């Protein structure tokens, strides 16, 4: 994550997160039930990987920002269980 001046932001890990926290920890998602990933309309094999922790602070405005095609909508769809979670082998 970066601020408006492209400086890296420090993210403090939550261990364990509060019970009212929504987020992901070390998770991989795809659009298809096949663990190898799903072919997107652009013929690319897409997997959303969350390495580490991604939690949203309750009672605050949380933003997901980034360039087109970086996975912002996919993060939201994963949180809504609209993507398939790939379980570790």
Protein backbone atom coordinates (compact mmCIF):
# COMPACT_ATOMS: atom_id res chain seq x y z
CA UNK A 1 0.00 0.00 0.00
CA UNK A 2 1.17 3.49 -0.81
CA UNK A 3 0.06 6.98 0.16
CA UNK A 4 -0.52 9.84 -2.28
CA UNK A 5 3.23 10.54 -2.46
CA UNK A 6 4.04 6.89 -3.33
CA UNK A 7 5.56 6.19 0.08
CA UNK A 8 5.00 2.69 1.44
CA UNK A 9 2.56 2.54 4.33
CA UNK A 10 3.28 0.32 7.31
CA UNK A 11 0.51 -2.16 8.07
CA UNK A 12 0.46 -3.55 11.57
CA UNK A 13 -0.60 -7.22 11.69
CA UNK A 14 -3.70 -8.18 13.64
CA UNK A 15 -3.22 -11.38 15.58
CA UNK A 16 -5.95 -12.45 16.15
CA UNK A 17 -8.32 -9.91 14.61
CA UNK A 18 -11.27 -8.68 16.66
CA UNK A 19 -14.43 -10.75 16.23
CA UNK A 20 -16.24 -7.93 14.41
CA UNK A 21 -13.46 -7.52 11.82
CA UNK A 22 -13.97 -8.42 8.17
CA UNK A 23 -10.96 -9.43 6.11
CA UNK A 24 -8.74 -12.09 4.61
CA UNK A 25 -5.57 -13.81 5.74
CA UNK A 26 -3.26 -15.83 3.44
CA UNK A 27 -6.06 -16.69 1.02
CA UNK A 28 -6.26 -17.52 -2.68
CA UNK A 29 -9.43 -17.18 -4.76
CA UNK A 30 -10.44 -17.97 -8.33
CA UNK A 31 -13.59 -17.60 -10.42
CA UNK A 32 -13.88 -21.34 -11.20
CA UNK A 33 -14.16 -24.41 -8.98
CA UNK A 34 -11.12 -25.81 -10.79
CA UNK A 35 -8.11 -24.98 -8.51
CA UNK A 36 -5.92 -24.29 -11.53
CA UNK A 37 -7.82 -21.01 -11.98
CA UNK A 38 -10.36 -19.59 -14.37
CA UNK A 39 -9.85 -18.25 -17.84
CA UNK A 40 -10.98 -14.64 -17.93
CA UNK A 41 -12.43 -13.03 -21.07
CA UNK A 42 -8.89 -11.85 -21.88
CA UNK A 43 -7.78 -15.54 -21.83
CA UNK A 44 -5.70 -15.03 -18.72
CA UNK A 45 -5.61 -17.50 -15.83
CA UNK A 46 -6.69 -15.36 -12.88
CA UNK A 47 -6.12 -16.01 -9.18
CA UNK A 48 -6.53 -13.47 -6.40
CA UNK A 49 -3.81 -14.03 -3.79
CA UNK A 50 -3.88 -12.27 -0.44
CA UNK A 51 -0.47 -12.81 1.12
CA UNK A 52 -0.46 -11.80 4.75
CA UNK A 53 -3.45 -9.94 6.12
CA UNK A 54 -6.10 -7.67 4.66
CA UNK A 55 -8.59 -6.48 7.29
CA UNK A 56 -11.07 -3.63 7.28
CA UNK A 57 -11.40 -1.39 10.32
CA UNK A 58 -14.95 -1.39 11.74
CA UNK A 59 -16.73 1.95 12.06
CA UNK A 60 -14.41 3.68 9.60
CA UNK A 61 -14.33 4.42 5.91
CA UNK A 62 -12.08 1.82 4.28
CA UNK A 63 -10.91 2.30 0.70
CA UNK A 64 -9.66 -0.13 -1.92
CA UNK A 65 -7.73 1.84 -4.54
CA UNK A 66 -5.51 0.96 -7.46
CA UNK A 67 -5.19 1.02 -11.24
CA UNK A 68 -7.63 -0.65 -13.60
CA UNK A 69 -7.38 -4.44 -13.54
CA UNK A 70 -5.44 -4.75 -10.27
CA UNK A 71 -8.15 -6.76 -8.44
CA UNK A 72 -10.19 -4.20 -6.48
CA UNK A 73 -13.54 -5.68 -7.50
CA UNK A 74 -12.19 -9.20 -7.02
CA UNK A 75 -11.35 -8.40 -3.38
CA UNK A 76 -14.92 -7.26 -2.82
CA UNK A 77 -16.33 -10.31 -4.60
CA UNK A 78 -14.11 -12.60 -2.49
CA UNK A 79 -15.41 -10.95 0.69
CA UNK A 80 -18.96 -11.57 -0.54
CA UNK A 81 -18.16 -15.27 -1.25
CA UNK A 82 -18.72 -14.72 -4.98
CA UNK A 83 -15.27 -16.19 -5.72
CA UNK A 84 -14.11 -19.72 -4.95
CA UNK A 85 -11.64 -20.11 -2.07
CA UNK A 86 -8.75 -22.42 -2.98
CA UNK A 87 -7.89 -24.49 0.06
CA UNK A 88 -4.20 -25.28 0.71
CA UNK A 89 -3.14 -28.72 -0.50
